[in-house]
PDB file of N, CA and C in Angstrom:
ATOM      1  N   UNK A   1      17.486  -3.313  14.227  1.00  0.00           N
ATOM      2  CA  UNK A   1      17.581  -2.755  12.960  1.00  0.00           C
ATOM      3  C   UNK A   1      17.194  -1.223  12.803  1.00  0.00           C
ATOM      4  N   UNK A   2      17.786  -0.581  11.923  1.00  0.00           N
ATOM      5  CA  UNK A   2      17.385   0.807  11.633  1.00  0.00           C
ATOM      6  C   UNK A   2      17.165   1.086  10.204  1.00  0.00           C
ATOM      7  N   UNK A   3      16.195   1.850   9.840  1.00  0.00           N
ATOM      8  CA  UNK A   3      15.912   2.354   8.529  1.00  0.00           C
ATOM      9  C   UNK A   3      15.874   3.676   8.397  1.00  0.00           C
ATOM     10  N   UNK A   4      16.723   4.275   7.498  1.00  0.00           N
ATOM     11  CA  UNK A   4      16.606   5.832   7.235  1.00  0.00           C
ATOM     12  C   UNK A   4      15.365   6.138   6.311  1.00  0.00           C
ATOM     13  N   UNK A   5      14.927   5.117   5.459  1.00  0.00           N
ATOM     14  CA  UNK A   5      13.872   5.526   4.649  1.00  0.00           C
ATOM     15  C   UNK A   5      13.213   4.024   4.024  1.00  0.00           C
ATOM     16  N   UNK A   6      12.172   4.244   3.418  1.00  0.00           N
ATOM     17  CA  UNK A   6      11.588   3.088   2.685  1.00  0.00           C
ATOM     18  C   UNK A   6      11.109   3.603   1.459  1.00  0.00           C
ATOM     19  N   UNK A   7      11.433   2.762   0.357  1.00  0.00           N
ATOM     20  CA  UNK A   7      11.059   3.028  -1.052  1.00  0.00           C
ATOM     21  C   UNK A   7       9.929   2.046  -1.510  1.00  0.00           C
ATOM     22  N   UNK A   8       8.879   2.551  -1.810  1.00  0.00           N
ATOM     23  CA  UNK A   8       7.769   1.815  -2.498  1.00  0.00           C
ATOM     24  C   UNK A   8       7.958   1.766  -4.058  1.00  0.00           C
ATOM     25  N   UNK A   9       8.051   0.610  -4.548  1.00  0.00           N
ATOM     26  CA  UNK A   9       8.293   0.348  -6.015  1.00  0.00           C
ATOM     27  C   UNK A   9       6.818   0.377  -6.690  1.00  0.00           C
ATOM     28  N   UNK A  10       6.844   0.778  -7.999  1.00  0.00           N
ATOM     29  CA  UNK A  10       5.743   0.656  -8.886  1.00  0.00           C
ATOM     30  C   UNK A  10       4.430   1.435  -8.321  1.00  0.00           C
ATOM     31  N   UNK A  11       4.561   2.560  -7.822  1.00  0.00           N
ATOM     32  CA  UNK A  11       3.517   3.196  -7.299  1.00  0.00           C
ATOM     33  C   UNK A  11       2.382   3.543  -8.164  1.00  0.00           C
ATOM     34  N   UNK A  12       2.684   3.531  -9.514  1.00  0.00           N
ATOM     35  CA  UNK A  12       1.564   3.745 -10.557  1.00  0.00           C
ATOM     36  C   UNK A  12       0.518   2.705 -10.355  1.00  0.00           C
ATOM     37  N   UNK A  13       0.946   1.439 -10.021  1.00  0.00           N
ATOM     38  CA  UNK A  13       0.138   0.324  -9.735  1.00  0.00           C
ATOM     39  C   UNK A  13      -0.788   0.432  -8.572  1.00  0.00           C
ATOM     40  N   UNK A  14      -0.263   1.375  -7.609  1.00  0.00           N
ATOM     41  CA  UNK A  14      -1.235   1.733  -6.482  1.00  0.00           C
ATOM     42  C   UNK A  14      -2.202   2.783  -6.742  1.00  0.00           C
ATOM     43  N   UNK A  15      -1.587   3.824  -7.536  1.00  0.00           N
ATOM     44  CA  UNK A  15      -2.505   4.991  -7.845  1.00  0.00           C
ATOM     45  C   UNK A  15      -3.496   4.740  -8.830  1.00  0.00           C
ATOM     46  N   UNK A  16      -3.240   4.063  -9.932  1.00  0.00           N
ATOM     47  CA  UNK A  16      -4.186   3.791 -11.027  1.00  0.00           C
ATOM     48  C   UNK A  16      -4.710   2.324 -11.141  1.00  0.00           C
ATOM     49  N   UNK A  17      -5.983   2.211 -11.482  1.00  0.00           N
ATOM     50  CA  UNK A  17      -6.519   0.753 -11.605  1.00  0.00           C
ATOM     51  C   UNK A  17      -5.733   0.068 -12.546  1.00  0.00           C
ATOM     52  N   UNK A  18      -5.174  -1.136 -12.108  1.00  0.00           N
ATOM     53  CA  UNK A  18      -4.422  -1.980 -12.890  1.00  0.00           C
ATOM     54  C   UNK A  18      -3.018  -1.166 -13.376  1.00  0.00           C
ATOM     55  N   UNK A  19      -2.717  -0.249 -12.746  1.00  0.00           N
ATOM     56  CA  UNK A  19      -1.590   0.490 -13.271  1.00  0.00           C
ATOM     57  C   UNK A  19      -1.652   1.369 -14.482  1.00  0.00           C
ATOM     58  N   UNK A  20      -3.073   1.491 -14.943  1.00  0.00           N
ATOM     59  CA  UNK A  20      -3.271   2.103 -16.229  1.00  0.00           C
ATOM     60  C   UNK A  20      -4.184   3.543 -16.035  1.00  0.00           C
ATOM     61  N   UNK A  21      -3.497   4.535 -16.285  1.00  0.00           N
ATOM     62  CA  UNK A  21      -3.985   5.901 -15.955  1.00  0.00           C
ATOM     63  C   UNK A  21      -5.477   6.032 -16.787  1.00  0.00           C
ATOM     64  N   UNK A  22      -5.550   5.390 -17.877  1.00  0.00           N
ATOM     65  CA  UNK A  22      -6.817   5.545 -18.611  1.00  0.00           C
ATOM     66  C   UNK A  22      -7.957   4.769 -17.987  1.00  0.00           C
ATOM     67  N   UNK A  23      -7.615   3.966 -17.139  1.00  0.00           N
ATOM     68  CA  UNK A  23      -8.773   3.201 -16.319  1.00  0.00           C
ATOM     69  C   UNK A  23      -9.228   3.853 -15.066  1.00  0.00           C
ATOM     70  N   UNK A  24      -8.544   4.927 -14.833  1.00  0.00           N
ATOM     71  CA  UNK A  24      -8.915   5.952 -13.655  1.00  0.00           C
ATOM     72  C   UNK A  24      -8.026   5.601 -12.309  1.00  0.00           C
ATOM     73  N   UNK A  25      -8.431   6.425 -11.300  1.00  0.00           N
ATOM     74  CA  UNK A  25      -7.622   6.281 -10.031  1.00  0.00           C
ATOM     75  C   UNK A  25      -8.053   5.135  -9.301  1.00  0.00           C
ATOM     76  N   UNK A  26      -7.203   4.495  -8.637  1.00  0.00           N
ATOM     77  CA  UNK A  26      -7.544   3.529  -7.653  1.00  0.00           C
ATOM     78  C   UNK A  26      -7.697   4.008  -6.315  1.00  0.00           C
ATOM     79  N   UNK A  27      -8.908   4.363  -5.985  1.00  0.00           N
ATOM     80  CA  UNK A  27      -9.156   4.932  -4.714  1.00  0.00           C
ATOM     81  C   UNK A  27      -8.649   4.300  -3.465  1.00  0.00           C
ATOM     82  N   UNK A  28      -8.853   2.984  -3.437  1.00  0.00           N
ATOM     83  CA  UNK A  28      -8.414   2.212  -2.378  1.00  0.00           C
ATOM     84  C   UNK A  28      -6.814   2.239  -2.305  1.00  0.00           C
ATOM     85  N   UNK A  29      -6.234   2.051  -3.386  1.00  0.00           N
ATOM     86  CA  UNK A  29      -4.727   2.158  -3.462  1.00  0.00           C
ATOM     87  C   UNK A  29      -4.263   3.490  -2.910  1.00  0.00           C
ATOM     88  N   UNK A  30      -4.966   4.665  -3.316  1.00  0.00           N
ATOM     89  CA  UNK A  30      -4.448   5.973  -2.987  1.00  0.00           C
ATOM     90  C   UNK A  30      -4.645   6.037  -1.354  1.00  0.00           C
ATOM     91  N   UNK A  31      -5.726   5.495  -0.889  1.00  0.00           N
ATOM     92  CA  UNK A  31      -6.099   5.622   0.492  1.00  0.00           C
ATOM     93  C   UNK A  31      -4.814   4.785   1.312  1.00  0.00           C
ATOM     94  N   UNK A  32      -4.556   3.724   0.637  1.00  0.00           N
ATOM     95  CA  UNK A  32      -3.469   2.785   1.235  1.00  0.00           C
ATOM     96  C   UNK A  32      -2.087   3.543   1.436  1.00  0.00           C
ATOM     97  N   UNK A  33      -1.828   4.314   0.269  1.00  0.00           N
ATOM     98  CA  UNK A  33      -0.524   4.955   0.197  1.00  0.00           C
ATOM     99  C   UNK A  33      -0.527   6.016   1.332  1.00  0.00           C
ATOM    100  N   UNK A  34      -1.585   6.825   1.330  1.00  0.00           N
ATOM    101  CA  UNK A  34      -1.735   7.776   2.414  1.00  0.00           C
ATOM    102  C   UNK A  34      -1.541   7.366   3.796  1.00  0.00           C
ATOM    103  N   UNK A  35      -2.282   6.232   4.140  1.00  0.00           N
ATOM    104  CA  UNK A  35      -2.262   5.769   5.496  1.00  0.00           C
ATOM    105  C   UNK A  35      -0.780   5.083   5.726  1.00  0.00           C
ATOM    106  N   UNK A  36      -0.318   4.426   4.731  1.00  0.00           N
ATOM    107  CA  UNK A  36       1.058   3.848   4.977  1.00  0.00           C
ATOM    108  C   UNK A  36       2.084   5.014   5.253  1.00  0.00           C
ATOM    109  N   UNK A  37       1.937   6.090   4.528  1.00  0.00           N
ATOM    110  CA  UNK A  37       2.989   7.283   4.864  1.00  0.00           C
ATOM    111  C   UNK A  37       2.669   7.969   6.118  1.00  0.00           C
ATOM    112  N   UNK A  38       1.349   8.171   6.456  1.00  0.00           N
ATOM    113  CA  UNK A  38       0.928   8.899   7.730  1.00  0.00           C
ATOM    114  C   UNK A  38       1.457   7.965   8.900  1.00  0.00           C
ATOM    115  N   UNK A  39       1.317   6.542   8.813  1.00  0.00           N
ATOM    116  CA  UNK A  39       1.772   5.659   9.945  1.00  0.00           C
ATOM    117  C   UNK A  39       3.263   5.772   9.987  1.00  0.00           C
ATOM    118  N   UNK A  40       3.919   5.625   8.914  1.00  0.00           N
ATOM    119  CA  UNK A  40       5.482   5.682   9.016  1.00  0.00           C
ATOM    120  C   UNK A  40       5.848   7.096   9.632  1.00  0.00           C
ATOM    121  N   UNK A  41       5.290   8.116   9.145  1.00  0.00           N
ATOM    122  CA  UNK A  41       5.784   9.495   9.720  1.00  0.00           C
ATOM    123  C   UNK A  41       5.321   9.685  11.045  1.00  0.00           C
ATOM    124  N   UNK A  42       4.137   9.096  11.611  1.00  0.00           N
ATOM    125  CA  UNK A  42       3.866   9.270  12.857  1.00  0.00           C
ATOM    126  C   UNK A  42       4.616   8.451  13.891  1.00  0.00           C
ATOM    127  N   UNK A  43       4.985   7.231  13.530  1.00  0.00           N
ATOM    128  CA  UNK A  43       5.661   6.375  14.446  1.00  0.00           C
ATOM    129  C   UNK A  43       7.288   6.622  14.344  1.00  0.00           C
ATOM    130  N   UNK A  44       7.650   7.008  13.130  1.00  0.00           N
ATOM    131  CA  UNK A  44       9.089   7.267  12.941  1.00  0.00           C
ATOM    132  C   UNK A  44       9.315   8.595  12.103  1.00  0.00           C
ATOM    133  N   UNK A  45       9.349   9.727  12.792  1.00  0.00           N
ATOM    134  CA  UNK A  45       9.287  10.918  12.226  1.00  0.00           C
ATOM    135  C   UNK A  45      10.577  11.318  11.345  1.00  0.00           C
ATOM    136  N   UNK A  46      11.662  10.733  11.507  1.00  0.00           N
ATOM    137  CA  UNK A  46      12.869  10.940  10.894  1.00  0.00           C
ATOM    138  C   UNK A  46      12.973  10.093   9.696  1.00  0.00           C
ATOM    139  N   UNK A  47      12.100   9.044   9.484  1.00  0.00           N
ATOM    140  CA  UNK A  47      12.245   8.144   8.188  1.00  0.00           C
ATOM    141  C   UNK A  47      11.631   8.850   7.091  1.00  0.00           C
ATOM    142  N   UNK A  48      12.456   8.633   5.897  1.00  0.00           N
ATOM    143  CA  UNK A  48      11.863   9.269   4.662  1.00  0.00           C
ATOM    144  C   UNK A  48      10.944   8.111   3.946  1.00  0.00           C
ATOM    145  N   UNK A  49       9.932   8.560   3.218  1.00  0.00           N
ATOM    146  CA  UNK A  49       9.330   7.695   2.317  1.00  0.00           C
ATOM    147  C   UNK A  49       9.340   8.067   0.891  1.00  0.00           C
ATOM    148  N   UNK A  50       9.640   7.250   0.048  1.00  0.00           N
ATOM    149  CA  UNK A  50      10.131   7.525  -1.341  1.00  0.00           C
ATOM    150  C   UNK A  50       9.212   6.629  -2.248  1.00  0.00           C
ATOM    151  N   UNK A  51       8.629   7.357  -3.264  1.00  0.00           N
ATOM    152  CA  UNK A  51       7.754   6.588  -4.312  1.00  0.00           C
ATOM    153  C   UNK A  51       8.579   6.394  -5.502  1.00  0.00           C
ATOM    154  N   UNK A  52       8.613   5.223  -5.960  1.00  0.00           N
ATOM    155  CA  UNK A  52       9.216   5.116  -7.401  1.00  0.00           C
ATOM    156  C   UNK A  52       8.023   5.181  -8.408  1.00  0.00           C
ATOM    157  N   UNK A  53       8.024   6.406  -9.051  1.00  0.00           N
ATOM    158  CA  UNK A  53       7.015   6.537  -9.928  1.00  0.00           C
ATOM    159  C   UNK A  53       7.436   7.470 -11.007  1.00  0.00           C
ATOM    160  N   UNK A  54       7.187   7.036 -12.342  1.00  0.00           N
ATOM    161  CA  UNK A  54       7.538   7.796 -13.514  1.00  0.00           C
ATOM    162  C   UNK A  54       6.435   8.383 -14.200  1.00  0.00           C
ATOM    163  N   UNK A  55       5.156   8.384 -13.507  1.00  0.00           N
ATOM    164  CA  UNK A  55       4.062   8.975 -14.095  1.00  0.00           C
ATOM    165  C   UNK A  55       3.950  10.428 -13.878  1.00  0.00           C
ATOM    166  N   UNK A  56       2.974  11.125 -14.457  1.00  0.00           N
ATOM    167  CA  UNK A  56       2.739  12.557 -14.426  1.00  0.00           C
ATOM    168  C   UNK A  56       1.824  12.877 -13.212  1.00  0.00           C
ATOM    169  N   UNK A  57       1.414  11.895 -12.425  1.00  0.00           N
ATOM    170  CA  UNK A  57       0.609  12.098 -11.219  1.00  0.00           C
ATOM    171  C   UNK A  57       1.313  13.221 -10.294  1.00  0.00           C
ATOM    172  N   UNK A  58       0.589  14.189 -10.049  1.00  0.00           N
ATOM    173  CA  UNK A  58       1.151  15.422  -9.470  1.00  0.00           C
ATOM    174  C   UNK A  58       1.123  15.330  -7.891  1.00  0.00           C
ATOM    175  N   UNK A  59       0.375  14.439  -7.412  1.00  0.00           N
ATOM    176  CA  UNK A  59      -0.033  14.543  -5.944  1.00  0.00           C
ATOM    177  C   UNK A  59       0.954  13.477  -5.028  1.00  0.00           C
ATOM    178  N   UNK A  60       1.915  12.861  -5.666  1.00  0.00           N
ATOM    179  CA  UNK A  60       2.710  11.899  -4.881  1.00  0.00           C
ATOM    180  C   UNK A  60       3.394  12.524  -3.724  1.00  0.00           C
ATOM    181  N   UNK A  61       4.047  13.649  -3.919  1.00  0.00           N
ATOM    182  CA  UNK A  61       4.750  14.311  -2.801  1.00  0.00           C
ATOM    183  C   UNK A  61       4.005  15.598  -2.473  1.00  0.00           C
ATOM    184  N   UNK A  62       2.859  15.553  -2.413  1.00  0.00           N
ATOM    185  CA  UNK A  62       2.126  16.857  -2.042  1.00  0.00           C
ATOM    186  C   UNK A  62       1.979  17.130  -0.435  1.00  0.00           C
ATOM    187  N   UNK A  63       2.717  16.575   0.144  1.00  0.00           N
ATOM    188  CA  UNK A  63       2.667  16.643   1.635  1.00  0.00           C
ATOM    189  C   UNK A  63       1.473  16.314   2.233  1.00  0.00           C
ATOM    190  N   UNK A  64       1.039  16.834   3.361  1.00  0.00           N
ATOM    191  CA  UNK A  64      -0.036  16.304   4.183  1.00  0.00           C
ATOM    192  C   UNK A  64      -1.259  16.964   3.829  1.00  0.00           C
ATOM    193  N   UNK A  65      -1.549  17.116   2.539  1.00  0.00           N
ATOM    194  CA  UNK A  65      -2.737  17.793   1.985  1.00  0.00           C
ATOM    195  C   UNK A  65      -3.720  16.692   1.725  1.00  0.00           C
ATOM    196  N   UNK A  66      -5.120  16.786   1.878  1.00  0.00           N
ATOM    197  CA  UNK A  66      -5.941  15.701   1.658  1.00  0.00           C
ATOM    198  C   UNK A  66      -5.842  14.994   0.208  1.00  0.00           C
ATOM    199  N   UNK A  67      -5.517  15.599  -0.824  1.00  0.00           N
ATOM    200  CA  UNK A  67      -5.279  15.030  -1.983  1.00  0.00           C
ATOM    201  C   UNK A  67      -3.964  14.323  -2.399  1.00  0.00           C
ATOM    202  N   UNK A  68      -3.051  14.576  -1.516  1.00  0.00           N
ATOM    203  CA  UNK A  68      -1.684  14.139  -1.691  1.00  0.00           C
ATOM    204  C   UNK A  68      -1.553  12.652  -1.056  1.00  0.00           C
ATOM    205  N   UNK A  69      -0.365  12.053  -1.585  1.00  0.00           N
ATOM    206  CA  UNK A  69      -0.180  10.751  -1.141  1.00  0.00           C
ATOM    207  C   UNK A  69       0.883  10.780   0.077  1.00  0.00           C
ATOM    208  N   UNK A  70       1.367  11.922   0.382  1.00  0.00           N
ATOM    209  CA  UNK A  70       2.255  12.117   1.610  1.00  0.00           C
ATOM    210  C   UNK A  70       3.545  11.508   1.519  1.00  0.00           C
ATOM    211  N   UNK A  71       4.120  11.037   0.361  1.00  0.00           N
ATOM    212  CA  UNK A  71       5.463  10.754   0.268  1.00  0.00           C
ATOM    213  C   UNK A  71       6.398  11.914   0.382  1.00  0.00           C
ATOM    214  N   UNK A  72       7.663  11.619   0.886  1.00  0.00           N
ATOM    215  CA  UNK A  72       8.529  12.737   0.971  1.00  0.00           C
ATOM    216  C   UNK A  72       9.217  13.032  -0.360  1.00  0.00           C
ATOM    217  N   UNK A  73       9.564  11.904  -1.097  1.00  0.00           N
ATOM    218  CA  UNK A  73      10.308  12.006  -2.268  1.00  0.00           C
ATOM    219  C   UNK A  73       9.740  11.191  -3.452  1.00  0.00           C
ATOM    220  N   UNK A  74      10.041  11.617  -4.677  1.00  0.00           N
ATOM    221  CA  UNK A  74       9.596  10.718  -5.854  1.00  0.00           C
ATOM    222  C   UNK A  74      10.918  10.275  -6.573  1.00  0.00           C
ATOM    223  N   UNK A  75      11.039   9.044  -6.837  1.00  0.00           N
ATOM    224  CA  UNK A  75      12.256   8.527  -7.417  1.00  0.00           C
ATOM    225  C   UNK A  75      11.811   8.112  -8.967  1.00  0.00           C
ATOM    226  N   UNK A  76      12.378   8.909  -9.849  1.00  0.00           N
ATOM    227  CA  UNK A  76      12.052   8.659 -11.265  1.00  0.00           C
ATOM    228  C   UNK A  76      13.093   7.720 -11.872  1.00  0.00           C
ATOM    229  N   UNK A  77      12.698   6.548 -12.125  1.00  0.00           N
ATOM    230  CA  UNK A  77      13.635   5.485 -12.432  1.00  0.00           C
ATOM    231  C   UNK A  77      14.216   5.778 -13.947  1.00  0.00           C
ATOM    232  N   UNK A  78      13.243   6.246 -14.723  1.00  0.00           N
ATOM    233  CA  UNK A  78      13.750   6.612 -16.129  1.00  0.00           C
ATOM    234  C   UNK A  78      14.923   7.705 -16.024  1.00  0.00           C
ATOM    235  N   UNK A  79      14.727   8.598 -15.298  1.00  0.00           N
ATOM    236  CA  UNK A  79      15.754   9.711 -15.099  1.00  0.00           C
ATOM    237  C   UNK A  79      17.035   9.144 -14.538  1.00  0.00           C
ATOM    238  N   UNK A  80      16.926   8.296 -13.555  1.00  0.00           N
ATOM    239  CA  UNK A  80      18.069   7.729 -13.002  1.00  0.00           C
ATOM    240  C   UNK A  80      18.978   6.700 -13.994  1.00  0.00           C
ATOM    241  N   UNK A  81      18.161   6.066 -14.843  1.00  0.00           N
ATOM    242  CA  UNK A  81      18.905   5.260 -15.760  1.00  0.00           C
ATOM    243  C   UNK A  81      19.528   6.023 -16.817  1.00  0.00           C
ATOM    244  N   UNK A  82      18.845   7.161 -17.230  1.00  0.00           N
ATOM    245  CA  UNK A  82      19.553   7.963 -18.320  1.00  0.00           C
ATOM    246  C   UNK A  82      20.740   8.686 -17.820  1.00  0.00           C
ATOM    247  N   UNK A  83      20.701   9.099 -16.538  1.00  0.00           N
ATOM    248  CA  UNK A  83      21.765   9.739 -15.966  1.00  0.00           C
ATOM    249  C   UNK A  83      23.013   8.863 -15.793  1.00  0.00           C
ATOM    250  N   UNK A  84      22.757   7.644 -15.272  1.00  0.00           N
ATOM    251  CA  UNK A  84      23.699   6.571 -15.161  1.00  0.00           C
ATOM    252  C   UNK A  84      24.512   6.312 -16.528  1.00  0.00           C
ATOM    253  N   UNK A  85      23.633   6.199 -17.618  1.00  0.00           N
ATOM    254  CA  UNK A  85      24.266   5.877 -18.911  1.00  0.00           C
ATOM    255  C   UNK A  85      25.083   7.189 -19.380  1.00  0.00           C
ATOM    256  N   UNK A  86      24.602   8.335 -19.101  1.00  0.00           N
ATOM    257  CA  UNK A  86      25.377   9.477 -19.442  1.00  0.00           C
ATOM    258  C   UNK A  86      26.712   9.701 -18.758  1.00  0.00           C
ATOM    259  N   UNK A  87      26.670   9.325 -17.424  1.00  0.00           N
ATOM    260  CA  UNK A  87      27.964   9.422 -16.764  1.00  0.00           C
ATOM    261  C   UNK A  87      28.956   8.262 -17.003  1.00  0.00           C
ATOM    262  N   UNK A  88      28.336   7.131 -17.554  1.00  0.00           N
ATOM    263  CA  UNK A  88      29.070   6.020 -17.890  1.00  0.00           C
ATOM    264  C   UNK A  88      29.860   6.235 -19.093  1.00  0.00           C
ATOM    265  N   UNK A  89      29.547   7.321 -19.943  1.00  0.00           N
ATOM    266  CA  UNK A  89      30.208   7.561 -21.193  1.00  0.00           C
ATOM    267  C   UNK A  89      31.727   8.143 -21.014  1.00  0.00           C
ATOM    268  N   UNK A  90      32.446   7.902 -21.914  1.00  0.00           N
ATOM    269  CA  UNK A  90      33.800   8.487 -22.012  1.00  0.00           C
ATOM    270  C   UNK A  90      33.695  10.008 -22.123  1.00  0.00           C
ATOM    271  N   UNK A  91      34.304  10.831 -21.326  1.00  0.00           N
ATOM    272  CA  UNK A  91      34.147  12.162 -21.331  1.00  0.00           C
ATOM    273  C   UNK A  91      34.250  12.826 -22.587  1.00  0.00           C
ATOM    274  N   UNK A  92      35.072  12.288 -23.608  1.00  0.00           N
ATOM    275  CA  UNK A  92      35.087  12.749 -24.915  1.00  0.00           C
ATOM    276  C   UNK A  92      33.803  12.795 -25.720  1.00  0.00           C
ATOM    277  N   UNK A  93      33.063  11.844 -25.321  1.00  0.00           N
ATOM    278  CA  UNK A  93      31.744  11.527 -26.015  1.00  0.00           C
ATOM    279  C   UNK A  93      30.409  12.152 -25.288  1.00  0.00           C
ATOM    280  N   UNK A  94      30.639  12.718 -24.087  1.00  0.00           N
ATOM    281  CA  UNK A  94      29.545  13.209 -23.373  1.00  0.00           C
ATOM    282  C   UNK A  94      28.908  14.438 -24.056  1.00  0.00           C
ATOM    283  N   UNK A  95      29.537  15.188 -24.729  1.00  0.00           N
ATOM    284  CA  UNK A  95      29.043  16.490 -25.319  1.00  0.00           C
ATOM    285  C   UNK A  95      28.047  16.084 -26.487  1.00  0.00           C
ATOM    286  N   UNK A  96      28.115  14.784 -26.961  1.00  0.00           N
ATOM    287  CA  UNK A  96      27.143  14.274 -27.959  1.00  0.00           C
ATOM    288  C   UNK A  96      25.825  13.516 -27.281  1.00  0.00           C
ATOM    289  N   UNK A  97      25.900  13.608 -25.985  1.00  0.00           N
ATOM    290  CA  UNK A  97      24.777  12.896 -25.302  1.00  0.00           C
ATOM    291  C   UNK A  97      24.094  13.590 -24.179  1.00  0.00           C
ATOM    292  N   UNK A  98      24.187  15.113 -24.368  1.00  0.00           N
ATOM    293  CA  UNK A  98      23.710  15.892 -23.281  1.00  0.00           C
ATOM    294  C   UNK A  98      22.090  15.688 -23.319  1.00  0.00           C
ATOM    295  N   UNK A  99      21.512  15.401 -24.399  1.00  0.00           N
ATOM    296  CA  UNK A  99      20.035  15.206 -24.548  1.00  0.00           C
ATOM    297  C   UNK A  99      19.512  14.016 -23.559  1.00  0.00           C
ATOM    298  N   UNK A 100      20.474  13.279 -23.052  1.00  0.00           N
ATOM    299  CA  UNK A 100      20.015  12.076 -22.242  1.00  0.00           C
ATOM    300  C   UNK A 100      19.882  12.449 -20.832  1.00  0.00           C
ATOM    301  N   UNK A 101      20.189  13.770 -20.385  1.00  0.00           N
ATOM    302  CA  UNK A 101      19.930  14.203 -19.091  1.00  0.00           C
ATOM    303  C   UNK A 101      19.244  15.427 -19.034  1.00  0.00           C
ATOM    304  N   UNK A 102      18.714  15.844 -20.228  1.00  0.00           N
ATOM    305  CA  UNK A 102      17.841  17.077 -20.210  1.00  0.00           C
ATOM    306  C   UNK A 102      16.356  16.867 -20.430  1.00  0.00           C
TER     307      UNK A 102
END
């Protein structure tokens, strides 16, 4: 088998206690995400790691800095869904739906 990348779903549940930003950071989860990414990158340097995260947490793709999670990319599921809906519209009506992708 060969994988080009790995996508981790619901990263907000790893970052925040019970997935709720108001409950504070989940330090154990954050350390787990860092170690997971570090291990993947050390053993397989060409594999991409992708975090599915729609929160405003700024350190998801902060690289190999101490406070980052070390993911390569962030997948914003809300943006993806909005974009797919927009592109699914008849071209005649797209001009009325530009707000879906901005």
